[in-house]
N, C-alpha and C. Protein backbone atom coordinates (compact mmCIF):
# COMPACT_ATOMS: atom_id res chain seq x y z
N MET A 1 83.09 -23.26 100.23
CA MET A 1 83.96 -22.13 100.03
C MET A 1 83.11 -20.89 99.72
N LYS A 2 83.45 -19.78 100.35
CA LYS A 2 82.73 -18.52 100.15
C LYS A 2 83.03 -17.95 98.76
N LEU A 3 81.98 -17.47 98.10
CA LEU A 3 82.14 -16.86 96.78
C LEU A 3 82.86 -15.52 96.92
N ASP A 4 83.91 -15.34 96.17
CA ASP A 4 84.67 -14.09 96.20
C ASP A 4 84.26 -13.24 95.01
N LYS A 5 83.38 -12.28 95.26
CA LYS A 5 82.88 -11.44 94.17
C LYS A 5 83.93 -10.49 93.63
N THR A 6 85.03 -10.27 94.38
CA THR A 6 86.07 -9.40 93.84
C THR A 6 86.70 -10.02 92.60
N LYS A 7 86.75 -11.34 92.54
CA LYS A 7 87.28 -12.01 91.34
C LYS A 7 86.32 -11.82 90.16
N ILE A 8 85.03 -11.87 90.43
CA ILE A 8 84.03 -11.64 89.38
C ILE A 8 84.13 -10.21 88.86
N ILE A 9 84.27 -9.25 89.78
CA ILE A 9 84.44 -7.85 89.39
C ILE A 9 85.70 -7.68 88.55
N TYR A 10 86.79 -8.29 88.99
CA TYR A 10 88.05 -8.19 88.27
C TYR A 10 87.91 -8.73 86.84
N GLU A 11 87.30 -9.91 86.70
CA GLU A 11 87.16 -10.52 85.38
C GLU A 11 86.31 -9.65 84.46
N LYS A 12 85.27 -9.03 85.00
CA LYS A 12 84.45 -8.13 84.19
C LYS A 12 85.24 -6.88 83.82
N TRP A 13 85.89 -6.27 84.81
CA TRP A 13 86.69 -5.05 84.60
C TRP A 13 87.76 -5.28 83.53
N GLU A 14 88.38 -6.44 83.56
CA GLU A 14 89.46 -6.75 82.61
C GLU A 14 88.95 -6.78 81.17
N GLN A 15 87.70 -7.15 80.96
CA GLN A 15 87.14 -7.26 79.60
C GLN A 15 86.67 -5.92 79.03
N LEU A 16 86.48 -4.93 79.89
CA LEU A 16 85.91 -3.66 79.43
C LEU A 16 86.97 -2.72 78.87
N SER A 17 86.60 -1.96 77.86
CA SER A 17 87.52 -0.93 77.36
C SER A 17 87.30 0.39 78.10
N ASN A 18 86.08 0.64 78.56
CA ASN A 18 85.77 1.82 79.36
C ASN A 18 85.81 1.42 80.83
N LYS A 19 86.82 1.85 81.55
CA LYS A 19 87.03 1.44 82.94
C LYS A 19 86.29 2.33 83.94
N LYS A 20 85.42 3.23 83.45
CA LYS A 20 84.69 4.14 84.34
C LYS A 20 83.63 3.37 85.12
N VAL A 21 83.61 3.61 86.44
CA VAL A 21 82.67 2.93 87.33
C VAL A 21 82.11 3.92 88.35
N LYS A 22 81.01 3.51 88.95
CA LYS A 22 80.47 4.23 90.12
C LYS A 22 80.43 3.21 91.25
N LEU A 23 81.08 3.54 92.36
CA LEU A 23 81.14 2.66 93.51
C LEU A 23 80.20 3.19 94.59
N LEU A 24 79.37 2.33 95.13
CA LEU A 24 78.55 2.67 96.29
C LEU A 24 79.20 2.00 97.49
N LEU A 25 79.55 2.81 98.48
CA LEU A 25 80.25 2.30 99.66
C LEU A 25 79.27 2.05 100.80
N LYS A 26 79.69 1.24 101.76
CA LYS A 26 78.84 0.89 102.90
C LYS A 26 78.43 2.10 103.73
N ASP A 27 79.22 3.16 103.71
CA ASP A 27 78.87 4.37 104.47
C ASP A 27 77.88 5.26 103.72
N GLY A 28 77.42 4.81 102.54
CA GLY A 28 76.44 5.55 101.76
C GLY A 28 77.03 6.50 100.73
N SER A 29 78.34 6.69 100.75
CA SER A 29 78.97 7.60 99.79
C SER A 29 79.15 6.91 98.44
N GLU A 30 79.26 7.73 97.41
CA GLU A 30 79.51 7.24 96.05
C GLU A 30 80.82 7.80 95.54
N LYS A 31 81.53 6.99 94.80
CA LYS A 31 82.78 7.40 94.16
C LYS A 31 82.65 7.09 92.68
N ILE A 32 82.99 8.06 91.84
CA ILE A 32 82.95 7.87 90.39
C ILE A 32 84.35 8.10 89.85
N GLY A 33 84.78 7.20 88.99
CA GLY A 33 86.10 7.34 88.39
C GLY A 33 86.46 6.11 87.59
N ASN A 34 87.73 6.00 87.27
CA ASN A 34 88.25 4.88 86.50
C ASN A 34 89.11 4.01 87.40
N ILE A 35 88.83 2.71 87.38
CA ILE A 35 89.68 1.79 88.12
C ILE A 35 90.99 1.69 87.35
N GLU A 36 92.06 2.12 87.99
CA GLU A 36 93.37 2.14 87.35
C GLU A 36 94.16 0.88 87.65
N SER A 37 93.98 0.38 88.88
CA SER A 37 94.77 -0.77 89.30
C SER A 37 94.11 -1.39 90.53
N PHE A 38 94.81 -2.33 91.14
CA PHE A 38 94.28 -3.04 92.30
C PHE A 38 95.44 -3.72 93.01
N THR A 39 95.17 -4.20 94.22
CA THR A 39 96.16 -5.03 94.92
C THR A 39 95.48 -6.33 95.30
N HIS A 40 96.20 -7.43 95.17
CA HIS A 40 95.68 -8.72 95.59
C HIS A 40 95.75 -8.82 97.10
N GLY A 41 94.87 -9.62 97.67
CA GLY A 41 94.84 -9.78 99.12
C GLY A 41 94.95 -11.22 99.54
N THR A 42 94.94 -11.43 100.84
CA THR A 42 94.99 -12.78 101.39
C THR A 42 93.59 -13.29 101.72
N ASN A 43 92.67 -12.38 102.08
CA ASN A 43 91.30 -12.77 102.40
C ASN A 43 90.37 -12.73 101.19
N SER A 44 90.73 -11.96 100.19
CA SER A 44 89.95 -11.88 98.96
C SER A 44 90.91 -11.72 97.78
N PHE A 45 90.40 -12.01 96.60
CA PHE A 45 91.23 -11.93 95.40
C PHE A 45 91.79 -10.52 95.22
N ILE A 46 90.91 -9.50 95.40
CA ILE A 46 91.34 -8.10 95.34
C ILE A 46 91.11 -7.48 96.71
N GLU A 47 92.15 -6.92 97.29
CA GLU A 47 92.05 -6.28 98.61
C GLU A 47 91.67 -4.80 98.46
N TYR A 48 92.35 -4.10 97.53
CA TYR A 48 92.09 -2.68 97.29
C TYR A 48 91.94 -2.43 95.79
N TRP A 49 91.01 -1.54 95.45
CA TRP A 49 90.86 -1.01 94.10
C TRP A 49 91.43 0.39 94.11
N ILE A 50 92.13 0.76 93.06
CA ILE A 50 92.71 2.10 92.98
C ILE A 50 91.91 2.88 91.93
N LEU A 51 91.19 3.88 92.42
CA LEU A 51 90.25 4.65 91.61
C LEU A 51 90.84 6.03 91.34
N ASN A 52 90.80 6.42 90.07
CA ASN A 52 91.28 7.74 89.67
C ASN A 52 90.12 8.49 89.03
N LYS A 53 89.97 9.75 89.37
CA LYS A 53 88.84 10.54 88.85
C LYS A 53 88.97 10.85 87.37
N THR A 54 90.18 10.83 86.84
CA THR A 54 90.39 11.07 85.42
C THR A 54 90.97 9.83 84.78
N ASN A 55 90.73 9.68 83.50
CA ASN A 55 91.25 8.53 82.77
C ASN A 55 92.58 8.92 82.14
N LYS A 56 93.66 8.57 82.81
CA LYS A 56 94.99 8.89 82.31
C LYS A 56 95.60 7.63 81.69
N PRO A 57 95.75 7.60 80.39
CA PRO A 57 96.34 6.40 79.79
C PRO A 57 97.78 6.21 80.25
N PHE A 58 98.11 4.98 80.55
CA PHE A 58 99.47 4.59 80.94
C PHE A 58 99.94 5.30 82.20
N ASN A 59 99.03 5.55 83.13
CA ASN A 59 99.40 6.16 84.40
C ASN A 59 100.06 5.10 85.28
N LEU A 60 101.31 5.28 85.60
CA LEU A 60 102.03 4.32 86.41
C LEU A 60 102.14 4.74 87.87
N LEU A 61 101.65 5.91 88.21
CA LEU A 61 101.73 6.40 89.58
C LEU A 61 100.44 6.07 90.32
N ILE A 62 100.39 4.90 90.95
CA ILE A 62 99.17 4.51 91.64
C ILE A 62 98.90 5.38 92.85
N GLU A 63 99.90 6.16 93.28
CA GLU A 63 99.70 7.07 94.40
C GLU A 63 98.71 8.18 94.03
N ASP A 64 98.51 8.42 92.74
CA ASP A 64 97.59 9.46 92.29
C ASP A 64 96.13 9.08 92.53
N GLY A 65 95.85 7.81 92.69
CA GLY A 65 94.48 7.36 92.84
C GLY A 65 94.06 7.21 94.28
N GLU A 66 92.77 6.99 94.46
CA GLU A 66 92.21 6.76 95.80
C GLU A 66 92.11 5.25 96.02
N TRP A 67 92.64 4.77 97.13
CA TRP A 67 92.62 3.35 97.46
C TRP A 67 91.31 3.05 98.18
N ILE A 68 90.54 2.12 97.62
CA ILE A 68 89.25 1.76 98.21
C ILE A 68 89.28 0.28 98.55
N LYS A 69 89.04 -0.01 99.80
CA LYS A 69 89.07 -1.39 100.28
C LYS A 69 87.85 -2.16 99.76
N SER A 70 88.07 -3.36 99.26
CA SER A 70 86.98 -4.17 98.71
C SER A 70 85.88 -4.41 99.72
N SER A 71 86.24 -4.58 100.98
CA SER A 71 85.24 -4.85 102.01
C SER A 71 84.34 -3.64 102.29
N ASP A 72 84.70 -2.46 101.79
CA ASP A 72 83.88 -1.25 101.96
C ASP A 72 82.84 -1.08 100.86
N LEU A 73 82.89 -1.93 99.83
CA LEU A 73 81.98 -1.79 98.69
C LEU A 73 80.64 -2.47 98.93
N LEU A 74 79.57 -1.81 98.50
CA LEU A 74 78.24 -2.42 98.47
C LEU A 74 77.88 -2.85 97.05
N GLU A 75 78.18 -1.97 96.08
CA GLU A 75 77.91 -2.31 94.69
C GLU A 75 78.82 -1.51 93.77
N ILE A 76 78.95 -2.02 92.56
CA ILE A 76 79.76 -1.35 91.55
C ILE A 76 78.95 -1.30 90.25
N TYR A 77 78.88 -0.11 89.66
CA TYR A 77 78.16 0.12 88.41
C TYR A 77 79.18 0.36 87.32
N PHE A 78 79.04 -0.37 86.21
CA PHE A 78 79.95 -0.23 85.07
C PHE A 78 79.26 0.61 83.99
N TYR A 79 79.87 1.73 83.64
CA TYR A 79 79.28 2.64 82.67
C TYR A 79 79.23 2.06 81.26
N GLU A 80 80.19 1.23 80.90
CA GLU A 80 80.25 0.73 79.53
C GLU A 80 79.01 -0.07 79.14
N ASP A 81 78.57 -0.96 80.00
CA ASP A 81 77.42 -1.80 79.65
C ASP A 81 76.24 -1.62 80.61
N HIS A 82 76.34 -0.64 81.51
CA HIS A 82 75.27 -0.30 82.45
C HIS A 82 74.89 -1.46 83.36
N SER A 83 75.85 -2.29 83.70
CA SER A 83 75.59 -3.41 84.60
C SER A 83 76.00 -3.06 86.02
N ILE A 84 75.42 -3.78 86.98
CA ILE A 84 75.71 -3.58 88.39
C ILE A 84 76.06 -4.92 89.02
N ILE A 85 77.09 -4.93 89.84
CA ILE A 85 77.40 -6.10 90.67
C ILE A 85 77.21 -5.67 92.11
N ILE A 86 76.34 -6.40 92.82
CA ILE A 86 76.07 -6.12 94.23
C ILE A 86 76.87 -7.11 95.06
N LEU A 87 77.57 -6.58 96.05
CA LEU A 87 78.40 -7.45 96.88
C LEU A 87 77.69 -7.89 98.14
């Protein structure tokens, strides 16, 4: 069975109090913000991450964030503990 790193990312994200991350995408671009939410998928545990540039507590409008497909990620940097997960 193929290792699904999106589940590892989710488990780490869930434990952090500071949800700020830096995402490196396959096209070379970087996105910085707070992971607000996600959607589960059929091919991977998390299909999309919803990234918001500001940390809005109790934000229920996921339309405010940018939807980033898990398959577009190369790595994710967590600001709270300065760790990196490479996909």
